[in-house]
Amino acid sequence: MKKILLAISFIVFVSSISFAQVRAQTGVWNADKTISGYTLATGGEMERYQTIQITFPKPFNTKPEIQFSVTRYDGEGGVGARYDCKIISSYKGGFTLEIKTWGGTKIHLIGGTWMAIGE
């Protein structure tokens, strides 16, 4: 009896793996002065933050793995480019990206690409 239950459990497990469809979605993101309350271009020594909400074209069935990159940057000359970007939350339908700057850096535009992989 144990062998039969083990065999059935194995078949169910293998079936669930083979029917899972992994898919990928990609897109671009931008942060600039067109966003209401945009503070990354104001300068100053204090840390300034901007969040961007990205919505997937089609929600995933499970929370996907997400990668992003910075491919565009327009900052004020004469000051080092100080910024940090990270995903602060993610879910089946999208994610929230946070951009931070400090130390006098003025970011007029920052943007990039993202890729989400999941079921």
PDB file of N, CA and C in Angstrom:
ATOM      1  N   MET A   1       0.816  -1.190   0.000  1.00  0.00           N
ATOM      2  CA  MET A   1       0.000   0.000   0.000  1.00  0.00           C
ATOM      3  C   MET A   1       0.869   1.267   0.000  1.00  0.00           C
ATOM      4  N   LYS A   2       1.942   1.259   0.784  1.00  0.00           N
ATOM      5  CA  LYS A   2       2.830   2.419   0.823  1.00  0.00           C
ATOM      6  C   LYS A   2       3.445   2.674  -0.542  1.00  0.00           C
ATOM      7  N   LYS A   3       3.804   1.595  -1.247  1.00  0.00           N
ATOM      8  CA  LYS A   3       4.404   1.746  -2.572  1.00  0.00           C
ATOM      9  C   LYS A   3       3.418   2.373  -3.556  1.00  0.00           C
ATOM     10  N   ILE A   4       2.166   1.995  -3.469  1.00  0.00           N
ATOM     11  CA  ILE A   4       1.148   2.548  -4.362  1.00  0.00           C
ATOM     12  C   ILE A   4       0.950   4.040  -4.078  1.00  0.00           C
ATOM     13  N   LEU A   5       0.833   4.403  -2.786  1.00  0.00           N
ATOM     14  CA  LEU A   5       0.682   5.813  -2.429  1.00  0.00           C
ATOM     15  C   LEU A   5       1.903   6.630  -2.844  1.00  0.00           C
ATOM     16  N   LEU A   6       3.080   6.076  -2.678  1.00  0.00           N
ATOM     17  CA  LEU A   6       4.307   6.756  -3.084  1.00  0.00           C
ATOM     18  C   LEU A   6       4.324   6.958  -4.595  1.00  0.00           C
ATOM     19  N   ALA A   7       3.928   5.939  -5.350  1.00  0.00           N
ATOM     20  CA  ALA A   7       3.897   6.035  -6.810  1.00  0.00           C
ATOM     21  C   ALA A   7       2.886   7.078  -7.267  1.00  0.00           C
ATOM     22  N   ILE A   8       1.714   7.103  -6.646  1.00  0.00           N
ATOM     23  CA  ILE A   8       0.695   8.096  -7.005  1.00  0.00           C
ATOM     24  C   ILE A   8       1.182   9.497  -6.661  1.00  0.00           C
ATOM     25  N   SER A   9       1.793   9.677  -5.512  1.00  0.00           N
ATOM     26  CA  SER A   9       2.331  10.988  -5.120  1.00  0.00           C
ATOM     27  C   SER A   9       3.383  11.458  -6.108  1.00  0.00           C
ATOM     28  N   PHE A  10       4.244  10.538  -6.543  1.00  0.00           N
ATOM     29  CA  PHE A  10       5.288  10.892  -7.506  1.00  0.00           C
ATOM     30  C   PHE A  10       4.677  11.315  -8.832  1.00  0.00           C
ATOM     31  N   ILE A  11       3.669  10.601  -9.315  1.00  0.00           N
ATOM     32  CA  ILE A  11       3.009  10.937 -10.580  1.00  0.00           C
ATOM     33  C   ILE A  11       2.342  12.301 -10.496  1.00  0.00           C
ATOM     34  N   VAL A  12       1.656  12.580  -9.401  1.00  0.00           N
ATOM     35  CA  VAL A  12       1.018  13.883  -9.224  1.00  0.00           C
ATOM     36  C   VAL A  12       2.065  14.987  -9.196  1.00  0.00           C
ATOM     37  N   PHE A  13       3.166  14.776  -8.497  1.00  0.00           N
ATOM     38  CA  PHE A  13       4.239  15.769  -8.418  1.00  0.00           C
ATOM     39  C   PHE A  13       4.831  16.045  -9.795  1.00  0.00           C
ATOM     40  N   VAL A  14       5.166  14.999 -10.545  1.00  0.00           N
ATOM     41  CA  VAL A  14       5.757  15.160 -11.878  1.00  0.00           C
ATOM     42  C   VAL A  14       4.764  15.837 -12.819  1.00  0.00           C
ATOM     43  N   SER A  15       3.493  15.489 -12.723  1.00  0.00           N
ATOM     44  CA  SER A  15       2.472  16.104 -13.574  1.00  0.00           C
ATOM     45  C   SER A  15       2.355  17.598 -13.303  1.00  0.00           C
ATOM     46  N   SER A  16       2.418  17.981 -12.045  1.00  0.00           N
ATOM     47  CA  SER A  16       2.293  19.401 -11.718  1.00  0.00           C
ATOM     48  C   SER A  16       3.492  20.189 -12.217  1.00  0.00           C
ATOM     49  N   ILE A  17       4.663  19.578 -12.227  1.00  0.00           N
ATOM     50  CA  ILE A  17       5.851  20.263 -12.739  1.00  0.00           C
ATOM     51  C   ILE A  17       5.759  20.414 -14.246  1.00  0.00           C
ATOM     52  N   SER A  18       5.353  19.376 -14.944  1.00  0.00           N
ATOM     53  CA  SER A  18       5.360  19.418 -16.398  1.00  0.00           C
ATOM     54  C   SER A  18       4.300  20.360 -16.957  1.00  0.00           C
ATOM     55  N   PHE A  19       3.230  20.674 -16.204  1.00  0.00           N
ATOM     56  CA  PHE A  19       2.187  21.547 -16.709  1.00  0.00           C
ATOM     57  C   PHE A  19       2.393  23.016 -16.325  1.00  0.00           C
ATOM     58  N   ALA A  20       3.348  23.315 -15.472  1.00  0.00           N
ATOM     59  CA  ALA A  20       3.629  24.698 -15.102  1.00  0.00           C
ATOM     60  C   ALA A  20       4.273  25.404 -16.288  1.00  0.00           C
ATOM     61  N   GLN A  21       3.735  26.551 -16.651  1.00  0.00           N
ATOM     62  CA  GLN A  21       4.275  27.304 -17.767  1.00  0.00           C
ATOM     63  C   GLN A  21       5.049  28.508 -17.245  1.00  0.00           C
ATOM     64  N   VAL A  22       6.322  28.519 -17.515  1.00  0.00           N
ATOM     65  CA  VAL A  22       7.154  29.654 -17.148  1.00  0.00           C
ATOM     66  C   VAL A  22       7.102  30.648 -18.305  1.00  0.00           C
ATOM     67  N   ARG A  23       6.908  31.906 -17.976  1.00  0.00           N
ATOM     68  CA  ARG A  23       6.877  32.936 -19.010  1.00  0.00           C
ATOM     69  C   ARG A  23       7.606  34.178 -18.515  1.00  0.00           C
ATOM     70  N   ALA A  24       7.967  34.989 -19.461  1.00  0.00           N
ATOM     71  CA  ALA A  24       8.706  36.208 -19.147  1.00  0.00           C
ATOM     72  C   ALA A  24       7.968  37.412 -19.722  1.00  0.00           C
ATOM     73  N   GLN A  25       8.089  38.527 -19.018  1.00  0.00           N
ATOM     74  CA  GLN A  25       7.570  39.801 -19.499  1.00  0.00           C
ATOM     75  C   GLN A  25       8.677  40.838 -19.311  1.00  0.00           C
ATOM     76  N   THR A  26       8.717  41.815 -20.191  1.00  0.00           N
ATOM     77  CA  THR A  26       9.737  42.857 -20.117  1.00  0.00           C
ATOM     78  C   THR A  26       9.090  44.225 -20.293  1.00  0.00           C
ATOM     79  N   GLY A  27       9.820  45.246 -19.889  1.00  0.00           N
ATOM     80  CA  GLY A  27       9.332  46.601 -20.057  1.00  0.00           C
ATOM     81  C   GLY A  27      10.396  47.616 -19.705  1.00  0.00           C
ATOM     82  N   VAL A  28      10.018  48.875 -19.757  1.00  0.00           N
ATOM     83  CA  VAL A  28      10.918  49.976 -19.413  1.00  0.00           C
ATOM     84  C   VAL A  28      10.310  50.768 -18.263  1.00  0.00           C
ATOM     85  N   TRP A  29      11.163  51.471 -17.536  1.00  0.00           N
ATOM     86  CA  TRP A  29      10.717  52.355 -16.460  1.00  0.00           C
ATOM     87  C   TRP A  29      11.463  53.678 -16.557  1.00  0.00           C
ATOM     88  N   ASN A  30      10.831  54.756 -16.110  1.00  0.00           N
ATOM     89  CA  ASN A  30      11.429  56.086 -16.112  1.00  0.00           C
ATOM     90  C   ASN A  30      10.967  56.864 -14.892  1.00  0.00           C
ATOM     91  N   ALA A  31      11.825  57.707 -14.395  1.00  0.00           N
ATOM     92  CA  ALA A  31      11.476  58.666 -13.341  1.00  0.00           C
ATOM     93  C   ALA A  31      12.045  60.006 -13.761  1.00  0.00           C
ATOM     94  N   ASP A  32      11.182  61.018 -13.790  1.00  0.00           N
ATOM     95  CA  ASP A  32      11.625  62.359 -14.165  1.00  0.00           C
ATOM     96  C   ASP A  32      10.665  63.400 -13.596  1.00  0.00           C
ATOM     97  N   LYS A  33      10.861  64.655 -13.982  1.00  0.00           N
ATOM     98  CA  LYS A  33      10.096  65.764 -13.414  1.00  0.00           C
ATOM     99  C   LYS A  33       8.608  65.724 -13.751  1.00  0.00           C
ATOM    100  N   THR A  34       8.184  64.854 -14.665  1.00  0.00           N
ATOM    101  CA  THR A  34       6.759  64.759 -14.975  1.00  0.00           C
ATOM    102  C   THR A  34       5.968  64.054 -13.870  1.00  0.00           C
ATOM    103  N   ILE A  35       6.654  63.403 -12.929  1.00  0.00           N
ATOM    104  CA  ILE A  35       6.004  62.729 -11.804  1.00  0.00           C
ATOM    105  C   ILE A  35       5.692  63.768 -10.730  1.00  0.00           C
ATOM    106  N   SER A  36       4.465  63.777 -10.276  1.00  0.00           N
ATOM    107  CA  SER A  36       4.052  64.711  -9.236  1.00  0.00           C
ATOM    108  C   SER A  36       4.876  64.485  -7.965  1.00  0.00           C
ATOM    109  N   GLY A  37       5.414  65.562  -7.396  1.00  0.00           N
ATOM    110  CA  GLY A  37       6.206  65.469  -6.170  1.00  0.00           C
ATOM    111  C   GLY A  37       7.625  64.964  -6.379  1.00  0.00           C
ATOM    112  N   TYR A  38       8.125  64.998  -7.608  1.00  0.00           N
ATOM    113  CA  TYR A  38       9.471  64.513  -7.922  1.00  0.00           C
ATOM    114  C   TYR A  38      10.516  65.379  -7.218  1.00  0.00           C
ATOM    115  N   THR A  39      11.367  64.772  -6.388  1.00  0.00           N
ATOM    116  CA  THR A  39      12.345  65.536  -5.604  1.00  0.00           C
ATOM    117  C   THR A  39      13.796  65.190  -5.943  1.00  0.00           C
ATOM    118  N   LEU A  40      14.027  64.261  -6.849  1.00  0.00           N
ATOM    119  CA  LEU A  40      15.406  63.839  -7.125  1.00  0.00           C
ATOM    120  C   LEU A  40      16.229  64.925  -7.815  1.00  0.00           C
ATOM    121  N   ALA A  41      15.581  65.919  -8.397  1.00  0.00           N
ATOM    122  CA  ALA A  41      16.301  66.988  -9.099  1.00  0.00           C
ATOM    123  C   ALA A  41      16.499  68.237  -8.244  1.00  0.00           C
ATOM    124  N   THR A  42      16.084  68.207  -6.984  1.00  0.00           N
ATOM    125  CA  THR A  42      16.162  69.415  -6.157  1.00  0.00           C
ATOM    126  C   THR A  42      17.535  69.655  -5.546  1.00  0.00           C
ATOM    127  N   GLY A  43      18.379  68.655  -5.509  1.00  0.00           N
ATOM    128  CA  GLY A  43      19.686  68.812  -4.892  1.00  0.00           C
ATOM    129  C   GLY A  43      19.582  68.770  -3.374  1.00  0.00           C
ATOM    130  N   GLY A  44      20.650  69.156  -2.717  1.00  0.00           N
ATOM    131  CA  GLY A  44      20.675  69.129  -1.266  1.00  0.00           C
ATOM    132  C   GLY A  44      21.378  67.887  -0.754  1.00  0.00           C
ATOM    133  N   GLU A  45      21.853  67.967   0.475  1.00  0.00           N
ATOM    134  CA  GLU A  45      22.625  66.873   1.058  1.00  0.00           C
ATOM    135  C   GLU A  45      21.763  65.728   1.591  1.00  0.00           C
ATOM    136  N   MET A  46      20.508  66.007   1.917  1.00  0.00           N
ATOM    137  CA  MET A  46      19.634  64.989   2.494  1.00  0.00           C
ATOM    138  C   MET A  46      19.268  63.926   1.456  1.00  0.00           C
ATOM    139  N   GLU A  47      18.958  62.718   1.957  1.00  0.00           N
ATOM    140  CA  GLU A  47      18.489  61.652   1.070  1.00  0.00           C
ATOM    141  C   GLU A  47      17.107  62.009   0.542  1.00  0.00           C
ATOM    142  N   ARG A  48      16.907  61.761  -0.745  1.00  0.00           N
ATOM    143  CA  ARG A  48      15.611  61.984  -1.392  1.00  0.00           C
ATOM    144  C   ARG A  48      15.212  60.701  -2.103  1.00  0.00           C
ATOM    145  N   TYR A  49      13.926  60.382  -2.062  1.00  0.00           N
ATOM    146  CA  TYR A  49      13.426  59.124  -2.613  1.00  0.00           C
ATOM    147  C   TYR A  49      12.325  59.371  -3.626  1.00  0.00           C
ATOM    148  N   GLN A  50      12.234  58.468  -4.587  1.00  0.00           N
ATOM    149  CA  GLN A  50      11.116  58.451  -5.527  1.00  0.00           C
ATOM    150  C   GLN A  50      10.722  56.991  -5.735  1.00  0.00           C
ATOM    151  N   THR A  51       9.440  56.693  -5.662  1.00  0.00           N
ATOM    152  CA  THR A  51       8.988  55.337  -5.950  1.00  0.00           C
ATOM    153  C   THR A  51       8.226  55.332  -7.265  1.00  0.00           C
ATOM    154  N   ILE A  52       8.335  54.208  -7.955  1.00  0.00           N
ATOM    155  CA  ILE A  52       7.638  54.015  -9.227  1.00  0.00           C
ATOM    156  C   ILE A  52       6.905  52.687  -9.147  1.00  0.00           C
ATOM    157  N   GLN A  53       5.654  52.698  -9.523  1.00  0.00           N
ATOM    158  CA  GLN A  53       4.852  51.486  -9.545  1.00  0.00           C
ATOM    159  C   GLN A  53       4.839  50.937 -10.975  1.00  0.00           C
ATOM    160  N   ILE A  54       5.309  49.706 -11.150  1.00  0.00           N
ATOM    161  CA  ILE A  54       5.291  49.040 -12.451  1.00  0.00           C
ATOM    162  C   ILE A  54       4.197  47.976 -12.414  1.00  0.00           C
ATOM    163  N   THR A  55       3.308  48.001 -13.398  1.00  0.00           N
ATOM    164  CA  THR A  55       2.243  47.015 -13.511  1.00  0.00           C
ATOM    165  C   THR A  55       2.544  46.122 -14.714  1.00  0.00           C
ATOM    166  N   PHE A  56       2.520  44.808 -14.508  1.00  0.00           N
ATOM    167  CA  PHE A  56       2.770  43.877 -15.602  1.00  0.00           C
ATOM    168  C   PHE A  56       1.615  43.923 -16.603  1.00  0.00           C
ATOM    169  N   PRO A  57       1.900  43.762 -17.900  1.00  0.00           N
ATOM    170  CA  PRO A  57       0.820  43.716 -18.888  1.00  0.00           C
ATOM    171  C   PRO A  57      -0.198  42.605 -18.587  1.00  0.00           C
ATOM    172  N   LYS A  58       0.294  41.470 -18.092  1.00  0.00           N
ATOM    173  CA  LYS A  58      -0.576  40.353 -17.711  1.00  0.00           C
ATOM    174  C   LYS A  58      -0.069  39.808 -16.375  1.00  0.00           C
ATOM    175  N   PRO A  59      -0.917  39.794 -15.342  1.00  0.00           N
ATOM    176  CA  PRO A  59      -0.464  39.293 -14.042  1.00  0.00           C
ATOM    177  C   PRO A  59       0.003  37.840 -14.118  1.00  0.00           C
ATOM    178  N   PHE A  60       0.942  37.496 -13.257  1.00  0.00           N
ATOM    179  CA  PHE A  60       1.434  36.123 -13.154  1.00  0.00           C
ATOM    180  C   PHE A  60       0.531  35.339 -12.206  1.00  0.00           C
ATOM    181  N   ASN A  61       0.613  34.019 -12.266  1.00  0.00           N
ATOM    182  CA  ASN A  61      -0.140  33.159 -11.339  1.00  0.00           C
ATOM    183  C   ASN A  61       0.541  33.086  -9.977  1.00  0.00           C
ATOM    184  N   THR A  62       1.850  33.256  -9.960  1.00  0.00           N
ATOM    185  CA  THR A  62       2.641  33.280  -8.737  1.00  0.00           C
ATOM    186  C   THR A  62       3.547  34.505  -8.794  1.00  0.00           C
ATOM    187  N   LYS A  63       4.067  34.909  -7.649  1.00  0.00           N
ATOM    188  CA  LYS A  63       4.966  36.071  -7.612  1.00  0.00           C
ATOM    189  C   LYS A  63       6.226  35.761  -8.432  1.00  0.00           C
ATOM    190  N   PRO A  64       6.542  36.577  -9.441  1.00  0.00           N
ATOM    191  CA  PRO A  64       7.691  36.279 -10.302  1.00  0.00           C
ATOM    192  C   PRO A  64       9.012  36.773  -9.720  1.00  0.00           C
ATOM    193  N   GLU A  65      10.086  36.283 -10.298  1.00  0.00           N
ATOM    194  CA  GLU A  65      11.425  36.820 -10.042  1.00  0.00           C
ATOM    195  C   GLU A  65      11.597  38.023 -10.963  1.00  0.00           C
ATOM    196  N   ILE A  66      12.209  39.093 -10.450  1.00  0.00           N
ATOM    197  CA  ILE A  66      12.318  40.333 -11.220  1.00  0.00           C
ATOM    198  C   ILE A  66      13.766  40.808 -11.236  1.00  0.00           C
ATOM    199  N   GLN A  67      14.200  41.225 -12.409  1.00  0.00           N
ATOM    200  CA  GLN A  67      15.502  41.878 -12.558  1.00  0.00           C
ATOM    201  C   GLN A  67      15.270  43.220 -13.229  1.00  0.00           C
ATOM    202  N   PHE A  68      16.081  44.211 -12.877  1.00  0.00           N
ATOM    203  CA  PHE A  68      15.971  45.513 -13.541  1.00  0.00           C
ATOM    204  C   PHE A  68      17.366  46.095 -13.731  1.00  0.00           C
ATOM    205  N   SER A  69      17.451  47.068 -14.628  1.00  0.00           N
ATOM    206  CA  SER A  69      18.726  47.737 -14.873  1.00  0.00           C
ATOM    207  C   SER A  69      18.483  49.228 -15.053  1.00  0.00           C
ATOM    208  N   VAL A  70      19.533  50.002 -14.842  1.00  0.00           N
ATOM    209  CA  VAL A  70      19.522  51.431 -15.139  1.00  0.00           C
ATOM    210  C   VAL A  70      20.253  51.605 -16.462  1.00  0.00           C
ATOM    211  N   THR A  71      19.554  52.147 -17.454  1.00  0.00           N
ATOM    212  CA  THR A  71      20.151  52.343 -18.774  1.00  0.00           C
ATOM    213  C   THR A  71      20.139  53.806 -19.214  1.00  0.00           C
ATOM    214  N   ARG A  72      19.422  54.662 -18.465  1.00  0.00           N
ATOM    215  CA  ARG A  72      19.362  56.082 -18.787  1.00  0.00           C
ATOM    216  C   ARG A  72      19.595  56.892 -17.517  1.00  0.00           C
ATOM    217  N   TYR A  73      20.399  57.929 -17.656  1.00  0.00           N
ATOM    218  CA  TYR A  73      20.662  58.800 -16.511  1.00  0.00           C
ATOM    219  C   TYR A  73      20.986  60.193 -17.031  1.00  0.00           C
ATOM    220  N   ASP A  74      20.295  61.199 -16.513  1.00  0.00           N
ATOM    221  CA  ASP A  74      20.584  62.584 -16.839  1.00  0.00           C
ATOM    222  C   ASP A  74      20.672  63.333 -15.522  1.00  0.00           C
ATOM    223  N   GLY A  75      21.890  63.718 -15.153  1.00  0.00           N
ATOM    224  CA  GLY A  75      22.107  64.415 -13.892  1.00  0.00           C
ATOM    225  C   GLY A  75      22.822  65.729 -14.104  1.00  0.00           C
ATOM    226  N   GLU A  76      22.827  66.532 -13.076  1.00  0.00           N
ATOM    227  CA  GLU A  76      23.489  67.839 -13.083  1.00  0.00           C
ATOM    228  C   GLU A  76      25.000  67.653 -13.122  1.00  0.00           C
ATOM    229  N   GLY A  77      25.689  68.420 -13.951  1.00  0.00           N
ATOM    230  CA  GLY A  77      27.143  68.335 -14.051  1.00  0.00           C
ATOM    231  C   GLY A  77      27.832  68.900 -12.820  1.00  0.00           C
ATOM    232  N   GLY A  78      29.067  68.482 -12.580  1.00  0.00           N
ATOM    233  CA  GLY A  78      29.869  69.019 -11.503  1.00  0.00           C
ATOM    234  C   GLY A  78      29.726  68.295 -10.173  1.00  0.00           C
ATOM    235  N   VAL A  79      28.777  67.393 -10.059  1.00  0.00           N
ATOM    236  CA  VAL A  79      28.567  66.635  -8.822  1.00  0.00           C
ATOM    237  C   VAL A  79      28.546  65.154  -9.193  1.00  0.00           C
ATOM    238  N   GLY A  80      29.117  64.322  -8.354  1.00  0.00           N
ATOM    239  CA  GLY A  80      29.104  62.886  -8.609  1.00  0.00           C
ATOM    240  C   GLY A  80      27.691  62.336  -8.707  1.00  0.00           C
ATOM    241  N   ALA A  81      27.532  61.308  -9.505  1.00  0.00           N
ATOM    242  CA  ALA A  81      26.221  60.661  -9.680  1.00  0.00           C
ATOM    243  C   ALA A  81      26.005  59.671  -8.541  1.00  0.00           C
ATOM    244  N   ARG A  82      25.220  60.077  -7.569  1.00  0.00           N
ATOM    245  CA  ARG A  82      24.935  59.208  -6.427  1.00  0.00           C
ATOM    246  C   ARG A  82      23.481  58.761  -6.507  1.00  0.00           C
ATOM    247  N   TYR A  83      23.283  57.465  -6.681  1.00  0.00           N
ATOM    248  CA  TYR A  83      21.923  56.937  -6.664  1.00  0.00           C
ATOM    249  C   TYR A  83      21.945  55.466  -6.278  1.00  0.00           C
ATOM    250  N   ASP A  84      20.802  55.029  -5.782  1.00  0.00           N
ATOM    251  CA  ASP A  84      20.598  53.631  -5.428  1.00  0.00           C
ATOM    252  C   ASP A  84      19.191  53.275  -5.856  1.00  0.00           C
ATOM    253  N   CYS A  85      19.036  52.131  -6.511  1.00  0.00           N
ATOM    254  CA  CYS A  85      17.722  51.662  -6.949  1.00  0.00           C
ATOM    255  C   CYS A  85      17.495  50.265  -6.410  1.00  0.00           C
ATOM    256  N   LYS A  86      16.278  50.014  -5.929  1.00  0.00           N
ATOM    257  CA  LYS A  86      15.958  48.673  -5.442  1.00  0.00           C
ATOM    258  C   LYS A  86      14.454  48.435  -5.513  1.00  0.00           C
ATOM    259  N   ILE A  87      14.099  47.162  -5.576  1.00  0.00           N
ATOM    260  CA  ILE A  87      12.695  46.769  -5.543  1.00  0.00           C
ATOM    261  C   ILE A  87      12.300  46.674  -4.073  1.00  0.00           C
ATOM    262  N   ILE A  88      11.272  47.424  -3.686  1.00  0.00           N
ATOM    263  CA  ILE A  88      10.850  47.403  -2.283  1.00  0.00           C
ATOM    264  C   ILE A  88       9.630  46.515  -2.052  1.00  0.00           C
ATOM    265  N   SER A  89       8.909  46.170  -3.124  1.00  0.00           N
ATOM    266  CA  SER A  89       7.817  45.211  -2.997  1.00  0.00           C
ATOM    267  C   SER A  89       7.506  44.629  -4.372  1.00  0.00           C
ATOM    268  N   SER A  90       7.038  43.394  -4.372  1.00  0.00           N
ATOM    269  CA  SER A  90       6.634  42.754  -5.625  1.00  0.00           C
ATOM    270  C   SER A  90       5.458  41.832  -5.348  1.00  0.00           C
ATOM    271  N   TYR A  91       4.679  41.616  -6.355  1.00  0.00           N
ATOM    272  CA  TYR A  91       3.502  40.766  -6.243  1.00  0.00           C
ATOM    273  C   TYR A  91       3.160  40.239  -7.631  1.00  0.00           C
ATOM    274  N   LYS A  92       2.087  39.479  -7.756  1.00  0.00           N
ATOM    275  CA  LYS A  92       1.725  38.841  -9.022  1.00  0.00           C
ATOM    276  C   LYS A  92       1.467  39.838 -10.147  1.00  0.00           C
ATOM    277  N   GLY A  93       0.994  41.018  -9.805  1.00  0.00           N
ATOM    278  CA  GLY A  93       0.608  41.994 -10.815  1.00  0.00           C
ATOM    279  C   GLY A  93       1.609  43.089 -11.102  1.00  0.00           C
ATOM    280  N   GLY A  94       2.729  43.145 -10.367  1.00  0.00           N
ATOM    281  CA  GLY A  94       3.702  44.199 -10.604  1.00  0.00           C
ATOM    282  C   GLY A  94       4.697  44.332  -9.469  1.00  0.00           C
ATOM    283  N   PHE A  95       5.374  45.481  -9.428  1.00  0.00           N
ATOM    284  CA  PHE A  95       6.348  45.728  -8.369  1.00  0.00           C
ATOM    285  C   PHE A  95       6.545  47.218  -8.184  1.00  0.00           C
ATOM    286  N   THR A  96       7.151  47.572  -7.063  1.00  0.00           N
ATOM    287  CA  THR A  96       7.461  48.962  -6.742  1.00  0.00           C
ATOM    288  C   THR A  96       8.971  49.125  -6.698  1.00  0.00           C
ATOM    289  N   LEU A  97       9.468  50.067  -7.459  1.00  0.00           N
ATOM    290  CA  LEU A  97      10.892  50.370  -7.539  1.00  0.00           C
ATOM    291  C   LEU A  97      11.142  51.671  -6.784  1.00  0.00           C
ATOM    292  N   GLU A  98      12.199  51.685  -5.962  1.00  0.00           N
ATOM    293  CA  GLU A  98      12.568  52.886  -5.215  1.00  0.00           C
ATOM    294  C   GLU A  98      13.915  53.396  -5.714  1.00  0.00           C
ATOM    295  N   ILE A  99      13.980  54.707  -5.996  1.00  0.00           N
ATOM    296  CA  ILE A  99      15.230  55.359  -6.387  1.00  0.00           C
ATOM    297  C   ILE A  99      15.580  56.345  -5.282  1.00  0.00           C
ATOM    298  N   LYS A 100      16.843  56.318  -4.863  1.00  0.00           N
ATOM    299  CA  LYS A 100      17.307  57.204  -3.794  1.00  0.00           C
ATOM    300  C   LYS A 100      18.536  57.957  -4.298  1.00  0.00           C
ATOM    301  N   THR A 101      18.660  59.213  -3.909  1.00  0.00           N
ATOM    302  CA  THR A 101      19.869  59.984  -4.175  1.00  0.00           C
ATOM    303  C   THR A 101      20.194  60.836  -2.951  1.00  0.00           C
ATOM    304  N   TRP A 102      21.402  61.387  -2.919  1.00  0.00           N
ATOM    305  CA  TRP A 102      21.879  62.148  -1.762  1.00  0.00           C
ATOM    306  C   TRP A 102      23.122  62.940  -2.175  1.00  0.00           C
ATOM    307  N   GLY A 103      23.664  63.719  -1.246  1.00  0.00           N
ATOM    308  CA  GLY A 103      24.947  64.392  -1.427  1.00  0.00           C
ATOM    309  C   GLY A 103      25.010  65.413  -2.551  1.00  0.00           C
ATOM    310  N   GLY A 104      23.942  66.139  -2.777  1.00  0.00           N
ATOM    311  CA  GLY A 104      23.958  67.187  -3.796  1.00  0.00           C
ATOM    312  C   GLY A 104      23.645  66.718  -5.204  1.00  0.00           C
ATOM    313  N   THR A 105      23.512  65.432  -5.424  1.00  0.00           N
ATOM    314  CA  THR A 105      23.205  64.918  -6.760  1.00  0.00           C
ATOM    315  C   THR A 105      21.819  65.384  -7.187  1.00  0.00           C
ATOM    316  N   LYS A 106      21.713  65.857  -8.432  1.00  0.00           N
ATOM    317  CA  LYS A 106      20.435  66.242  -9.025  1.00  0.00           C
ATOM    318  C   LYS A 106      20.171  65.312 -10.206  1.00  0.00           C
ATOM    319  N   ILE A 107      19.114  64.518 -10.102  1.00  0.00           N
ATOM    320  CA  ILE A 107      18.762  63.582 -11.169  1.00  0.00           C
ATOM    321  C   ILE A 107      17.546  64.139 -11.913  1.00  0.00           C
ATOM    322  N   HIS A 108      17.761  64.546 -13.160  1.00  0.00           N
ATOM    323  CA  HIS A 108      16.665  65.061 -13.979  1.00  0.00           C
ATOM    324  C   HIS A 108      15.871  63.918 -14.609  1.00  0.00           C
ATOM    325  N   LEU A 109      16.544  62.823 -14.914  1.00  0.00           N
ATOM    326  CA  LEU A 109      15.893  61.644 -15.471  1.00  0.00           C
ATOM    327  C   LEU A 109      16.717  60.415 -15.132  1.00  0.00           C
ATOM    328  N   ILE A 110      16.047  59.347 -14.749  1.00  0.00           N
ATOM    329  CA  ILE A 110      16.690  58.056 -14.570  1.00  0.00           C
ATOM    330  C   ILE A 110      15.691  57.012 -15.056  1.00  0.00           C
ATOM    331  N   GLY A 111      16.186  56.017 -15.746  1.00  0.00           N
ATOM    332  CA  GLY A 111      15.290  55.004 -16.278  1.00  0.00           C
ATOM    333  C   GLY A 111      16.049  53.751 -16.654  1.00  0.00           C
ATOM    334  N   GLY A 112      15.301  52.759 -17.076  1.00  0.00           N
ATOM    335  CA  GLY A 112      15.923  51.509 -17.454  1.00  0.00           C
ATOM    336  C   GLY A 112      14.936  50.483 -17.937  1.00  0.00           C
ATOM    337  N   THR A 113      15.332  49.232 -17.822  1.00  0.00           N
ATOM    338  CA  THR A 113      14.509  48.119 -18.281  1.00  0.00           C
ATOM    339  C   THR A 113      14.261  47.153 -17.119  1.00  0.00           C
ATOM    340  N   TRP A 114      13.236  46.325 -17.273  1.00  0.00           N
ATOM    341  CA  TRP A 114      12.952  45.280 -16.280  1.00  0.00           C
ATOM    342  C   TRP A 114      12.527  44.000 -16.995  1.00  0.00           C
ATOM    343  N   MET A 115      12.713  42.885 -16.301  1.00  0.00           N
ATOM    344  CA  MET A 115      12.275  41.593 -16.799  1.00  0.00           C
ATOM    345  C   MET A 115      11.746  40.797 -15.619  1.00  0.00           C
ATOM    346  N   ALA A 116      10.562  40.209 -15.801  1.00  0.00           N
ATOM    347  CA  ALA A 116       9.936  39.379 -14.769  1.00  0.00           C
ATOM    348  C   ALA A 116       9.749  37.976 -15.344  1.00  0.00           C
ATOM    349  N   ILE A 117      10.117  36.959 -14.552  1.00  0.00           N
ATOM    350  CA  ILE A 117       9.985  35.570 -14.981  1.00  0.00           C
ATOM    351  C   ILE A 117       9.199  34.812 -13.922  1.00  0.00           C
ATOM    352  N   GLY A 118       8.148  34.150 -14.343  1.00  0.00           N
ATOM    353  CA  GLY A 118       7.323  33.399 -13.412  1.00  0.00           C
ATOM    354  C   GLY A 118       6.303  32.551 -14.133  1.00  0.00           C
ATOM    355  N   GLU A 119       5.388  32.005 -13.364  1.00  0.00           N
ATOM    356  CA  GLU A 119       4.317  31.164 -13.931  1.00  0.00           C
ATOM    357  C   GLU A 119       3.058  31.984 -14.119  1.00  0.00           C
TER     358      GLU A 119
END
